[in-house]
N, C-alpha and C. Protein backbone atom coordinates (compact mmCIF):
# COMPACT_ATOMS: atom_id res chain seq x y z
N UNK A 1 2.74 -20.22 3.89
CA UNK A 1 3.91 -20.00 4.91
C UNK A 1 5.01 -19.18 4.26
N UNK A 2 5.42 -18.13 5.16
CA UNK A 2 6.48 -17.46 4.53
C UNK A 2 7.70 -18.25 3.99
N UNK A 3 8.46 -17.62 3.06
CA UNK A 3 9.79 -18.22 2.65
C UNK A 3 11.11 -18.14 3.32
N UNK A 4 11.00 -17.03 4.45
CA UNK A 4 12.04 -16.83 5.02
C UNK A 4 11.54 -16.75 6.63
N UNK A 5 12.12 -17.33 7.61
CA UNK A 5 11.81 -17.26 8.75
C UNK A 5 11.98 -15.81 9.57
N UNK A 6 11.21 -15.64 10.35
CA UNK A 6 11.27 -14.10 11.04
C UNK A 6 12.65 -14.06 11.76
N UNK A 7 13.23 -12.70 11.40
CA UNK A 7 14.64 -12.48 12.04
C UNK A 7 14.27 -12.25 13.61
N UNK A 8 15.55 -12.31 14.18
CA UNK A 8 15.21 -11.98 15.78
C UNK A 8 14.91 -10.64 16.18
N UNK A 9 14.94 -9.53 15.45
CA UNK A 9 14.27 -8.46 15.71
C UNK A 9 15.04 -7.68 16.97
N UNK A 10 16.42 -7.89 16.99
CA UNK A 10 17.24 -7.25 18.07
C UNK A 10 18.19 -6.23 17.40
N UNK A 11 18.32 -5.17 18.32
CA UNK A 11 19.39 -4.14 17.56
C UNK A 11 18.79 -2.88 17.51
N UNK A 12 19.66 -1.94 16.99
CA UNK A 12 19.15 -0.76 16.87
C UNK A 12 18.32 -0.48 15.58
N UNK A 13 18.58 -1.17 14.58
CA UNK A 13 17.47 -0.82 13.53
C UNK A 13 16.18 -1.57 13.88
N UNK A 14 15.98 -2.70 14.45
CA UNK A 14 14.77 -3.23 15.00
C UNK A 14 14.01 -2.08 15.82
N UNK A 15 14.93 -1.58 16.71
CA UNK A 15 14.23 -0.69 17.72
C UNK A 15 13.76 0.35 17.18
N UNK A 16 14.53 1.09 15.97
CA UNK A 16 13.89 2.16 15.16
C UNK A 16 12.53 1.60 14.41
N UNK A 17 12.48 0.52 13.93
CA UNK A 17 11.31 0.01 13.25
C UNK A 17 10.14 0.05 14.43
N UNK A 18 10.59 -0.61 15.47
CA UNK A 18 9.52 -0.70 16.42
C UNK A 18 9.04 0.56 16.93
N UNK A 19 9.95 1.68 17.02
CA UNK A 19 9.44 3.13 17.33
C UNK A 19 8.54 3.37 16.43
N UNK A 20 8.74 3.25 14.95
CA UNK A 20 7.70 3.77 14.03
C UNK A 20 6.41 3.02 14.06
N UNK A 21 6.43 1.65 14.50
CA UNK A 21 5.34 1.00 14.47
C UNK A 21 4.57 1.04 16.06
N UNK A 22 5.04 1.87 16.85
CA UNK A 22 4.35 1.82 18.09
C UNK A 22 4.60 0.75 19.08
N UNK A 23 5.85 0.27 18.91
CA UNK A 23 6.37 -0.87 19.68
C UNK A 23 6.30 -2.22 19.56
N UNK A 24 6.01 -2.52 18.29
CA UNK A 24 5.88 -4.04 17.69
C UNK A 24 6.50 -4.10 16.22
N UNK A 25 6.77 -5.36 15.97
CA UNK A 25 7.34 -5.50 14.61
C UNK A 25 6.42 -6.44 13.84
N UNK A 26 5.80 -6.30 12.78
CA UNK A 26 5.06 -6.94 12.07
C UNK A 26 5.87 -8.05 11.41
N UNK A 27 5.12 -9.01 10.71
CA UNK A 27 5.80 -10.10 9.72
C UNK A 27 6.67 -9.50 8.69
N UNK A 28 6.23 -8.49 7.92
CA UNK A 28 7.00 -7.68 7.16
C UNK A 28 8.49 -7.29 7.77
N UNK A 29 8.36 -6.47 8.84
CA UNK A 29 9.48 -6.04 9.55
C UNK A 29 10.39 -7.41 9.88
N UNK A 30 9.94 -8.37 10.37
CA UNK A 30 10.81 -9.39 10.60
C UNK A 30 11.38 -10.26 9.48
N UNK A 31 10.76 -10.30 8.17
CA UNK A 31 11.52 -10.45 7.26
C UNK A 31 12.40 -9.50 6.72
N UNK A 32 12.22 -8.35 6.59
CA UNK A 32 13.09 -7.35 6.27
C UNK A 32 14.54 -7.18 6.95
N UNK A 33 14.29 -7.62 8.46
CA UNK A 33 15.44 -7.26 9.27
C UNK A 33 16.61 -8.55 9.08
N UNK A 34 16.21 -9.39 8.05
CA UNK A 34 17.49 -10.22 7.63
C UNK A 34 18.54 -9.45 6.96
N UNK A 35 18.13 -8.20 6.54
CA UNK A 35 19.04 -7.24 6.04
C UNK A 35 19.01 -5.82 6.73
N UNK A 36 19.70 -5.58 7.77
CA UNK A 36 19.46 -4.56 8.53
C UNK A 36 19.63 -3.13 7.58
N UNK A 37 20.69 -2.92 6.85
CA UNK A 37 20.70 -1.77 5.95
C UNK A 37 19.43 -1.60 5.11
N UNK A 38 18.88 -2.69 4.66
CA UNK A 38 17.76 -2.53 3.79
C UNK A 38 16.41 -2.19 4.65
N UNK A 39 16.17 -3.06 5.81
CA UNK A 39 15.23 -2.48 6.76
C UNK A 39 15.37 -1.31 7.04
N UNK A 40 16.43 -0.82 7.50
CA UNK A 40 16.50 0.67 7.95
C UNK A 40 16.12 1.58 6.89
N UNK A 41 16.88 1.39 5.57
CA UNK A 41 16.21 2.27 4.57
C UNK A 41 14.69 2.46 4.32
N UNK A 42 14.28 0.95 4.39
CA UNK A 42 12.79 0.80 4.11
C UNK A 42 11.93 1.56 4.94
N UNK A 43 12.46 1.36 6.41
CA UNK A 43 11.63 2.14 7.62
C UNK A 43 11.75 3.54 7.20
N UNK A 44 12.66 4.21 6.89
CA UNK A 44 12.76 5.63 6.78
C UNK A 44 11.92 6.07 5.66
N UNK A 45 12.09 5.33 4.55
CA UNK A 45 11.16 5.63 3.28
C UNK A 45 9.57 5.58 3.65
N UNK A 46 9.24 4.32 3.96
CA UNK A 46 7.83 4.15 4.33
C UNK A 46 7.33 4.96 5.51
N UNK A 47 8.08 5.16 6.25
CA UNK A 47 7.69 6.24 7.38
C UNK A 47 7.36 7.52 6.91
N UNK A 48 8.26 7.84 5.82
CA UNK A 48 7.87 9.18 5.26
C UNK A 48 6.65 9.18 4.37
N UNK A 49 6.48 8.08 3.66
CA UNK A 49 5.19 7.98 2.75
C UNK A 49 3.95 7.96 3.75
N UNK A 50 4.04 7.28 4.80
CA UNK A 50 2.91 7.11 5.73
C UNK A 50 2.48 8.18 6.57
N UNK A 51 3.51 9.10 6.81
CA UNK A 51 3.23 10.12 7.85
C UNK A 51 3.86 11.61 7.62
N UNK A 52 4.51 11.85 6.64
CA UNK A 52 5.19 13.18 6.32
C UNK A 52 4.83 13.90 5.04
N UNK A 53 3.68 13.28 4.53
CA UNK A 53 3.37 14.20 3.01
C UNK A 53 2.17 14.77 3.11
N UNK A 54 2.11 15.68 2.09
CA UNK A 54 0.86 16.70 1.93
C UNK A 54 -0.26 15.48 1.34
N UNK A 55 -0.03 14.71 0.61
CA UNK A 55 -1.02 13.89 -0.17
C UNK A 55 -1.86 13.45 0.83
N UNK A 56 -3.18 13.78 0.79
CA UNK A 56 -4.39 13.12 1.75
C UNK A 56 -4.29 11.86 1.90
N UNK A 57 -4.32 11.41 3.07
CA UNK A 57 -4.33 9.89 3.51
C UNK A 57 -5.34 9.14 2.75
N UNK A 58 -6.57 9.85 2.43
CA UNK A 58 -7.67 9.03 1.74
C UNK A 58 -7.09 8.69 0.45
N UNK A 59 -6.24 9.49 -0.23
CA UNK A 59 -5.70 9.07 -1.63
C UNK A 59 -4.53 8.24 -1.69
N UNK A 60 -3.94 8.49 -0.50
CA UNK A 60 -2.66 7.32 -0.35
C UNK A 60 -3.25 5.99 -0.08
N UNK A 61 -4.04 5.86 0.73
CA UNK A 61 -4.71 4.56 1.14
C UNK A 61 -5.51 3.99 0.06
N UNK A 62 -6.18 4.72 -0.80
CA UNK A 62 -6.87 4.35 -1.93
C UNK A 62 -5.80 3.56 -2.88
N UNK A 63 -4.57 4.32 -3.26
CA UNK A 63 -3.65 3.83 -3.92
C UNK A 63 -2.88 2.42 -3.47
N UNK A 64 -2.88 2.29 -2.29
CA UNK A 64 -2.09 1.20 -1.52
C UNK A 64 -3.17 0.07 -1.83
N UNK A 65 -4.27 0.23 -1.39
CA UNK A 65 -5.31 -0.85 -1.48
C UNK A 65 -5.30 -1.45 -2.77
N UNK A 66 -5.49 -0.24 -3.89
CA UNK A 66 -5.38 -0.71 -5.16
C UNK A 66 -4.19 -1.57 -5.79
N UNK A 67 -3.02 -1.31 -5.21
CA UNK A 67 -1.96 -1.95 -5.57
C UNK A 67 -1.88 -3.38 -5.07
N UNK A 68 -2.41 -3.43 -3.63
CA UNK A 68 -2.52 -4.65 -3.00
C UNK A 68 -3.34 -5.72 -4.00
N UNK A 69 -4.74 -5.12 -4.49
CA UNK A 69 -5.47 -5.78 -5.20
C UNK A 69 -4.97 -6.36 -6.76
N UNK A 70 -4.33 -5.17 -7.34
CA UNK A 70 -3.72 -5.60 -8.59
C UNK A 70 -2.68 -6.57 -8.61
N UNK A 71 -1.75 -6.68 -7.59
CA UNK A 71 -0.70 -7.41 -7.26
C UNK A 71 -0.95 -8.81 -6.37
N UNK A 72 -2.18 -8.80 -5.85
CA UNK A 72 -2.38 -10.11 -5.15
C UNK A 72 -1.71 -10.16 -3.89
N UNK A 73 -1.51 -9.15 -3.34
CA UNK A 73 -0.69 -8.76 -2.01
C UNK A 73 -1.73 -8.85 -0.77
N UNK A 74 -2.30 -9.96 -0.55
CA UNK A 74 -3.25 -10.23 0.39
C UNK A 74 -3.10 -9.45 1.93
N UNK A 75 -1.69 -9.62 2.33
CA UNK A 75 -1.27 -9.32 3.51
C UNK A 75 -1.43 -7.64 3.49
N UNK A 76 -0.95 -6.89 2.47
CA UNK A 76 -0.90 -5.56 2.53
C UNK A 76 -2.43 -5.22 2.18
N UNK A 77 -3.29 -5.88 1.56
CA UNK A 77 -4.82 -5.48 1.69
C UNK A 77 -5.46 -5.48 3.04
N UNK A 78 -5.01 -6.54 3.70
CA UNK A 78 -5.64 -6.55 5.07
C UNK A 78 -5.13 -5.46 6.03
N UNK A 79 -3.96 -5.28 5.95
CA UNK A 79 -3.30 -4.21 6.69
C UNK A 79 -3.72 -2.83 6.31
N UNK A 80 -4.15 -2.52 5.06
CA UNK A 80 -4.64 -1.20 4.72
C UNK A 80 -5.98 -1.08 4.59
N UNK A 81 -6.97 -1.91 4.22
CA UNK A 81 -8.07 -1.64 3.99
C UNK A 81 -8.78 -0.94 5.35
N UNK A 82 -8.50 -1.29 6.51
CA UNK A 82 -8.91 -0.63 7.66
C UNK A 82 -8.34 0.92 7.79
N UNK A 83 -7.21 0.96 7.38
CA UNK A 83 -6.70 2.38 7.20
C UNK A 83 -7.33 3.37 6.27
N UNK A 84 -7.71 2.62 5.03
CA UNK A 84 -8.65 3.41 4.26
C UNK A 84 -9.70 3.75 4.67
N UNK A 85 -10.40 2.73 5.44
CA UNK A 85 -11.88 3.20 6.25
C UNK A 85 -11.43 4.40 6.99
N UNK A 86 -10.52 4.23 7.68
CA UNK A 86 -10.21 5.28 8.84
C UNK A 86 -9.93 6.75 8.31
N UNK A 87 -9.35 6.70 7.09
CA UNK A 87 -8.97 7.90 6.35
C UNK A 87 -10.29 8.42 5.71
N UNK A 88 -11.48 7.63 5.65
CA UNK A 88 -12.74 8.29 5.22
C UNK A 88 -13.32 7.41 4.04
N UNK A 89 -12.77 6.49 3.44
CA UNK A 89 -13.34 5.59 2.21
C UNK A 89 -14.39 4.66 3.05
N UNK A 90 -15.45 4.80 2.31
CA UNK A 90 -16.85 3.88 2.79
C UNK A 90 -16.36 2.53 2.43
N UNK A 91 -17.35 1.62 3.05
CA UNK A 91 -17.15 0.01 2.41
C UNK A 91 -17.41 -0.11 1.22
N UNK A 92 -18.34 0.52 0.44
CA UNK A 92 -18.55 0.45 -1.04
C UNK A 92 -17.40 1.08 -1.66
N UNK A 93 -16.83 2.19 -1.15
CA UNK A 93 -15.43 2.59 -1.91
C UNK A 93 -14.30 1.70 -1.73
N UNK A 94 -14.20 1.12 -0.60
CA UNK A 94 -13.12 0.17 -0.51
C UNK A 94 -13.24 -1.10 -1.30
N UNK A 95 -14.63 -1.60 -1.26
CA UNK A 95 -14.78 -2.63 -2.18
C UNK A 95 -14.69 -2.51 -3.78
N UNK A 96 -14.76 -1.12 -4.24
CA UNK A 96 -14.57 -0.72 -5.49
C UNK A 96 -13.08 -0.70 -5.94
N UNK A 97 -12.29 -0.81 -5.04
CA UNK A 97 -10.77 -1.04 -5.44
C UNK A 97 -10.28 -2.45 -5.71
N UNK A 98 -11.40 -3.25 -5.51
CA UNK A 98 -10.76 -4.74 -5.87
C UNK A 98 -10.87 -4.89 -7.45
N UNK A 99 -10.09 -5.92 -7.93
CA UNK A 99 -10.48 -6.12 -9.22
C UNK A 99 -11.76 -6.51 -9.71
N UNK A 100 -12.00 -5.89 -10.94
CA UNK A 100 -13.48 -6.21 -11.61
C UNK A 100 -14.53 -5.57 -10.79
N UNK A 101 -14.47 -4.87 -9.76
CA UNK A 101 -15.53 -4.24 -9.14
C UNK A 101 -15.92 -2.82 -9.78
N UNK A 102 -17.24 -2.55 -9.55
CA UNK A 102 -17.78 -1.41 -10.00
C UNK A 102 -17.17 -0.06 -9.48
N UNK A 103 -16.56 0.65 -10.06
CA UNK A 103 -15.80 1.91 -9.53
C UNK A 103 -16.80 3.14 -9.35
N UNK A 104 -18.11 2.84 -9.52
CA UNK A 104 -18.91 4.22 -9.43
C UNK A 104 -19.23 4.68 -8.17
N UNK A 105 -18.80 3.92 -7.11
CA UNK A 105 -18.95 4.75 -5.87
C UNK A 105 -17.90 5.71 -5.57
N UNK A 106 -16.77 5.53 -6.41
CA UNK A 106 -15.39 6.51 -6.22
C UNK A 106 -15.80 7.69 -6.46
N UNK A 107 -15.26 9.02 -5.84
CA UNK A 107 -15.52 10.40 -6.29
C UNK A 107 -14.55 10.49 -7.36
N UNK A 108 -14.63 11.75 -7.99
CA UNK A 108 -13.67 12.10 -9.26
C UNK A 108 -12.22 12.00 -8.95
N UNK A 109 -11.85 12.41 -7.69
CA UNK A 109 -10.58 12.53 -7.36
C UNK A 109 -9.94 10.80 -7.07
N UNK A 110 -10.77 10.35 -6.52
CA UNK A 110 -10.63 8.89 -6.44
C UNK A 110 -10.51 8.05 -7.62
N UNK A 111 -11.24 8.50 -8.63
CA UNK A 111 -11.36 7.92 -9.89
C UNK A 111 -9.90 7.99 -10.60
N UNK A 112 -9.36 9.53 -10.69
CA UNK A 112 -8.24 9.69 -11.07
C UNK A 112 -6.95 9.01 -10.54
N UNK A 113 -6.98 8.96 -9.33
CA UNK A 113 -5.71 8.41 -8.51
C UNK A 113 -6.10 6.89 -8.81
N UNK A 114 -6.92 6.23 -8.94
CA UNK A 114 -7.11 5.08 -9.24
C UNK A 114 -6.63 4.64 -10.69
N UNK A 115 -6.93 5.36 -11.85
CA UNK A 115 -6.39 5.30 -12.98
C UNK A 115 -4.86 5.45 -12.83
N UNK A 116 -4.42 6.45 -12.36
CA UNK A 116 -2.93 6.77 -12.28
C UNK A 116 -2.18 5.52 -11.51
N UNK A 117 -2.78 4.75 -10.52
CA UNK A 117 -2.43 3.84 -9.86
C UNK A 117 -2.34 2.57 -10.77
N UNK A 118 -3.46 2.42 -11.74
CA UNK A 118 -3.40 1.38 -12.40
C UNK A 118 -2.44 1.25 -13.42
N UNK A 119 -2.17 2.60 -14.15
CA UNK A 119 -1.34 2.74 -15.02
C UNK A 119 0.05 2.38 -14.71
N UNK A 120 0.47 2.94 -13.38
CA UNK A 120 1.81 2.81 -12.72
C UNK A 120 2.17 1.25 -12.49
N UNK A 121 1.15 0.82 -11.96
CA UNK A 121 1.20 -0.76 -11.52
C UNK A 121 1.11 -1.79 -12.71
N UNK A 122 0.28 -1.49 -13.54
CA UNK A 122 0.19 -2.43 -14.54
C UNK A 122 1.02 -2.63 -15.72
N UNK A 123 1.47 -1.12 -16.13
CA UNK A 123 2.19 -1.07 -17.31
C UNK A 123 3.32 -0.05 -17.04
N UNK A 124 3.62 0.47 -15.95
CA UNK A 124 4.60 1.43 -15.65
C UNK A 124 4.56 2.78 -16.36
N UNK A 125 4.27 2.88 -17.42
CA UNK A 125 4.08 3.95 -18.34
C UNK A 125 2.86 4.66 -17.90
N UNK A 126 2.70 5.92 -17.74
CA UNK A 126 1.55 6.69 -17.55
C UNK A 126 1.49 7.69 -18.81
N UNK A 127 0.02 7.73 -19.41
CA UNK A 127 -0.16 8.38 -20.51
C UNK A 127 0.09 9.67 -20.05
N UNK A 128 0.45 10.87 -21.11
CA UNK A 128 0.55 12.13 -20.74
C UNK A 128 -0.58 12.88 -20.34
N UNK A 129 -1.71 12.54 -20.94
CA UNK A 129 -2.85 13.10 -20.52
C UNK A 129 -3.34 12.67 -19.19
N UNK A 130 -3.08 11.62 -18.83
CA UNK A 130 -3.49 11.22 -17.46
C UNK A 130 -2.50 11.75 -16.32
N UNK A 131 -1.42 11.95 -16.78
CA UNK A 131 -0.41 12.49 -15.90
C UNK A 131 -0.70 14.05 -15.68
N UNK A 132 -1.05 14.71 -16.90
CA UNK A 132 -1.46 16.05 -16.97
C UNK A 132 -2.65 16.34 -15.99
N UNK A 133 -3.56 15.51 -16.09
CA UNK A 133 -4.97 15.47 -15.35
C UNK A 133 -4.56 15.53 -13.87
N UNK A 134 -3.70 14.56 -13.35
CA UNK A 134 -3.38 14.56 -11.88
C UNK A 134 -2.47 15.71 -11.41
N UNK A 135 -1.61 16.12 -12.34
CA UNK A 135 -0.64 17.32 -12.03
C UNK A 135 -1.89 18.37 -11.88
N UNK A 136 -2.78 18.63 -12.76
CA UNK A 136 -3.80 19.80 -12.66
C UNK A 136 -4.57 19.52 -11.36
N UNK A 137 -4.81 18.60 -11.03
CA UNK A 137 -5.89 18.46 -9.79
C UNK A 137 -5.06 18.56 -8.63
N UNK A 138 -3.96 17.79 -8.40
CA UNK A 138 -3.31 17.71 -7.24
C UNK A 138 -2.09 18.53 -7.05
N UNK A 139 -1.42 19.13 -7.89
CA UNK A 139 -0.36 20.06 -7.93
C UNK A 139 0.76 19.33 -8.01
N UNK A 140 2.04 19.79 -8.24
CA UNK A 140 3.31 19.22 -8.59
C UNK A 140 3.67 18.48 -7.16
N UNK A 141 3.72 18.93 -6.16
CA UNK A 141 4.11 18.15 -4.93
C UNK A 141 3.29 16.90 -4.64
N UNK A 142 1.88 17.00 -4.66
CA UNK A 142 1.26 15.93 -4.49
C UNK A 142 1.43 14.88 -5.78
N UNK A 143 1.64 15.14 -6.92
CA UNK A 143 1.72 14.35 -8.08
C UNK A 143 3.08 13.70 -7.70
N UNK A 144 4.08 14.36 -7.19
CA UNK A 144 5.36 13.70 -6.84
C UNK A 144 5.20 12.68 -5.71
N UNK A 145 4.30 13.03 -4.77
CA UNK A 145 3.93 12.31 -3.52
C UNK A 145 3.22 10.90 -4.07
N UNK A 146 2.29 11.32 -4.82
CA UNK A 146 1.46 9.99 -5.18
C UNK A 146 2.20 8.90 -6.06
N UNK A 147 3.13 9.64 -6.91
CA UNK A 147 4.04 8.69 -7.52
C UNK A 147 4.93 7.93 -6.87
N UNK A 148 5.38 8.64 -5.92
CA UNK A 148 6.40 7.96 -4.88
C UNK A 148 5.71 6.88 -4.15
N UNK A 149 4.42 7.32 -3.51
CA UNK A 149 3.76 6.27 -2.87
C UNK A 149 3.42 5.03 -3.85
N UNK A 150 3.02 5.21 -4.84
CA UNK A 150 2.78 4.27 -5.81
C UNK A 150 3.86 3.13 -5.88
N UNK A 151 5.17 4.01 -6.31
CA UNK A 151 6.34 3.16 -6.71
C UNK A 151 6.53 2.37 -5.30
N UNK A 152 6.56 3.09 -4.12
CA UNK A 152 7.09 2.43 -2.92
C UNK A 152 6.17 1.25 -2.63
N UNK A 153 4.72 1.36 -2.73
CA UNK A 153 3.90 0.21 -2.33
C UNK A 153 3.85 -0.74 -3.34
N UNK A 154 4.21 -0.71 -4.68
CA UNK A 154 4.42 -1.69 -5.48
C UNK A 154 5.64 -2.43 -5.02
N UNK A 155 6.54 -1.84 -4.65
CA UNK A 155 7.91 -2.56 -3.98
C UNK A 155 7.51 -3.23 -2.74
N UNK A 156 6.46 -2.57 -1.99
CA UNK A 156 6.23 -3.49 -0.88
C UNK A 156 5.31 -4.93 -1.20
N UNK A 157 4.44 -4.55 -2.02
CA UNK A 157 3.60 -5.75 -2.55
C UNK A 157 4.45 -6.85 -3.23
N UNK A 158 5.30 -6.43 -4.13
CA UNK A 158 5.95 -7.66 -4.61
C UNK A 158 7.11 -8.30 -3.60
N UNK A 159 7.84 -7.51 -2.56
CA UNK A 159 8.30 -8.12 -1.64
C UNK A 159 7.57 -9.04 -0.77
N UNK A 160 6.37 -8.58 -0.47
CA UNK A 160 5.31 -9.54 0.20
C UNK A 160 4.91 -10.76 -0.50
N UNK A 161 4.78 -10.64 -1.55
CA UNK A 161 4.18 -11.85 -2.49
C UNK A 161 5.38 -12.68 -2.86
N UNK A 162 6.44 -12.03 -3.27
CA UNK A 162 7.51 -13.09 -3.53
C UNK A 162 8.08 -13.81 -2.20
N UNK A 163 8.13 -13.33 -1.07
CA UNK A 163 8.55 -14.28 0.01
C UNK A 163 7.31 -14.86 0.99
N UNK A 164 6.13 -14.57 0.44
CA UNK A 164 5.01 -15.08 1.12
C UNK A 164 4.61 -14.58 2.69
N UNK A 165 5.24 -13.29 2.78
CA UNK A 165 5.08 -12.79 3.90
C UNK A 165 3.38 -12.56 4.45
N UNK A 166 3.06 -12.88 5.36
CA UNK A 166 1.62 -12.84 5.85
C UNK A 166 0.63 -13.75 4.96
N UNK A 167 1.35 -14.49 4.28
CA UNK A 167 0.50 -15.35 3.27
C UNK A 167 -0.48 -15.98 4.02
N UNK A 168 -1.83 -15.73 3.55
CA UNK A 168 -2.97 -16.53 4.09
C UNK A 168 -3.66 -17.21 2.95
N UNK A 169 -3.84 -18.53 3.11
CA UNK A 169 -4.42 -19.52 2.00
C UNK A 169 -5.78 -18.88 1.65
N UNK A 170 -6.57 -18.58 2.61
CA UNK A 170 -7.92 -18.38 2.26
C UNK A 170 -8.18 -16.83 1.96
N UNK A 171 -7.16 -16.10 1.98
CA UNK A 171 -7.41 -14.61 1.68
C UNK A 171 -7.23 -14.38 0.08
N UNK A 172 -8.26 -13.38 -0.69
CA UNK A 172 -8.14 -13.18 -1.82
C UNK A 172 -8.67 -11.83 -1.89
N UNK A 173 -7.88 -10.76 -2.45
CA UNK A 173 -8.36 -9.32 -2.70
C UNK A 173 -9.43 -8.94 -3.58
N UNK A 174 -9.53 -9.99 -4.47
CA UNK A 174 -10.76 -9.94 -5.53
C UNK A 174 -11.93 -10.55 -5.22
N UNK A 175 -11.95 -11.15 -3.93
CA UNK A 175 -13.26 -11.92 -3.64
C UNK A 175 -13.70 -11.75 -2.04
N UNK A 176 -12.52 -11.35 -1.25
CA UNK A 176 -12.82 -11.28 0.21
C UNK A 176 -14.01 -10.47 0.50
N UNK A 177 -14.56 -11.16 1.60
CA UNK A 177 -15.94 -10.30 2.18
C UNK A 177 -15.35 -9.25 2.87
N UNK A 178 -16.21 -8.28 3.18
CA UNK A 178 -15.86 -7.21 3.93
C UNK A 178 -15.05 -7.47 5.53
N UNK A 179 -15.88 -8.40 6.10
CA UNK A 179 -15.45 -8.80 7.13
C UNK A 179 -14.03 -9.53 7.25
N UNK A 180 -13.74 -10.06 6.27
CA UNK A 180 -12.47 -10.84 6.13
C UNK A 180 -11.34 -9.62 5.95
N UNK A 181 -11.71 -8.57 5.18
CA UNK A 181 -10.82 -7.46 5.01
C UNK A 181 -10.41 -6.58 6.25
N UNK A 182 -11.56 -6.39 7.14
CA UNK A 182 -11.42 -5.40 8.16
C UNK A 182 -11.10 -6.24 9.41
N UNK A 183 -10.98 -7.46 9.47
CA UNK A 183 -10.75 -8.37 10.69
C UNK A 183 -9.25 -7.93 11.26
């Protein structure tokens, strides 16, 4: 059960969020709308992360799903695993993003993004050699966008987990079956 009840979802900010979401509000939006300035800023930031960057969607969604697994953000996992599939990750590659999973199905770029995501999420500090490798492979713009995406979705996962948004007792990102993840 969520720790805050859903906000009414009326007004200009809610309308802007609905417009980005294709006409509806999610449980996350309904929690955020208790603070319209926060919800508005969140909507602008996450809208840019999701739709305005050069970072390939497959790398964005790989990072988001890994963050969800690392932080126990089941709602985030359930929302983004299908998007990761749509962006081109296979069932085996999505499964490899879970904690303790075999990462062998991941391609070299995926492994690099996974290591960068793990460093930023687990310890915040990224080793120089890892940052240099990501920079060399992706370039400056995509390094900045990947870093911003990881930072933003760590914010998302922490908000979701702290307030039990979309909390489902049976969901577990480390052990969920593929059918639970894509449902």
